[in-house]
Amino acid sequence: LNYNQLTGIPSTAFQGLTKLT
């Protein structure tokens, strides 16, 4: 099991934040 799978959508939102910064 990946931490990415555990977070799901919140993970995608976090990735979007990192792309902004």
N, C-alpha and C. Protein backbone atom coordinates (compact mmCIF):
# COMPACT_ATOMS: atom_id res chain seq x y z
N LEU A 1 0.86 -1.21 0.00
CA LEU A 1 0.00 0.00 0.00
C LEU A 1 0.88 1.25 0.00
N ASN A 2 0.53 2.16 -0.86
CA ASN A 2 1.31 3.39 -0.97
C ASN A 2 0.67 4.51 -0.17
N TYR A 3 1.48 5.42 0.34
CA TYR A 3 0.94 6.56 1.08
C TYR A 3 0.07 7.40 0.16
N ASN A 4 0.42 7.41 -1.12
CA ASN A 4 -0.35 8.14 -2.12
C ASN A 4 -1.76 7.59 -2.19
N GLN A 5 -1.89 6.25 -2.15
CA GLN A 5 -3.20 5.62 -2.23
C GLN A 5 -4.01 5.91 -0.98
N LEU A 6 -3.33 6.01 0.16
CA LEU A 6 -4.02 6.26 1.42
C LEU A 6 -4.62 7.66 1.43
N THR A 7 -3.86 8.63 0.91
CA THR A 7 -4.35 10.00 0.93
C THR A 7 -5.38 10.23 -0.15
N GLY A 8 -5.11 9.74 -1.37
CA GLY A 8 -6.08 9.89 -2.45
C GLY A 8 -6.14 11.31 -2.97
N ILE A 9 -7.30 11.92 -2.87
CA ILE A 9 -7.51 13.27 -3.39
C ILE A 9 -6.63 14.32 -2.68
N PRO A 10 -6.52 14.27 -1.35
CA PRO A 10 -5.66 15.24 -0.65
C PRO A 10 -4.24 15.22 -1.21
N SER A 11 -3.79 14.04 -1.63
CA SER A 11 -2.45 13.92 -2.19
C SER A 11 -2.35 14.71 -3.49
N THR A 12 -3.41 14.63 -4.30
CA THR A 12 -3.41 15.36 -5.57
C THR A 12 -3.39 16.86 -5.32
N ALA A 13 -4.12 17.30 -4.31
CA ALA A 13 -4.17 18.72 -3.98
C ALA A 13 -2.79 19.17 -3.51
N PHE A 14 -2.11 18.32 -2.75
CA PHE A 14 -0.78 18.65 -2.25
C PHE A 14 0.21 18.77 -3.41
N GLN A 15 0.06 17.87 -4.39
CA GLN A 15 0.95 17.91 -5.55
C GLN A 15 0.73 19.21 -6.32
N GLY A 16 -0.52 19.65 -6.39
CA GLY A 16 -0.83 20.90 -7.07
C GLY A 16 -0.18 22.08 -6.36
N LEU A 17 -0.13 21.99 -5.03
CA LEU A 17 0.47 23.06 -4.24
C LEU A 17 1.97 23.13 -4.50
N THR A 18 2.59 21.96 -4.60
CA THR A 18 4.03 21.93 -4.82
C THR A 18 4.36 22.47 -6.20
N LYS A 19 3.44 22.26 -7.16
CA LYS A 19 3.68 22.77 -8.51
C LYS A 19 3.58 24.29 -8.52
N LEU A 20 2.70 24.84 -7.67
CA LEU A 20 2.54 26.29 -7.61
C LEU A 20 3.79 26.93 -7.04
N THR A 21 4.38 26.28 -6.06
CA THR A 21 5.59 26.80 -5.45
C THR A 21 6.77 26.22 -6.20
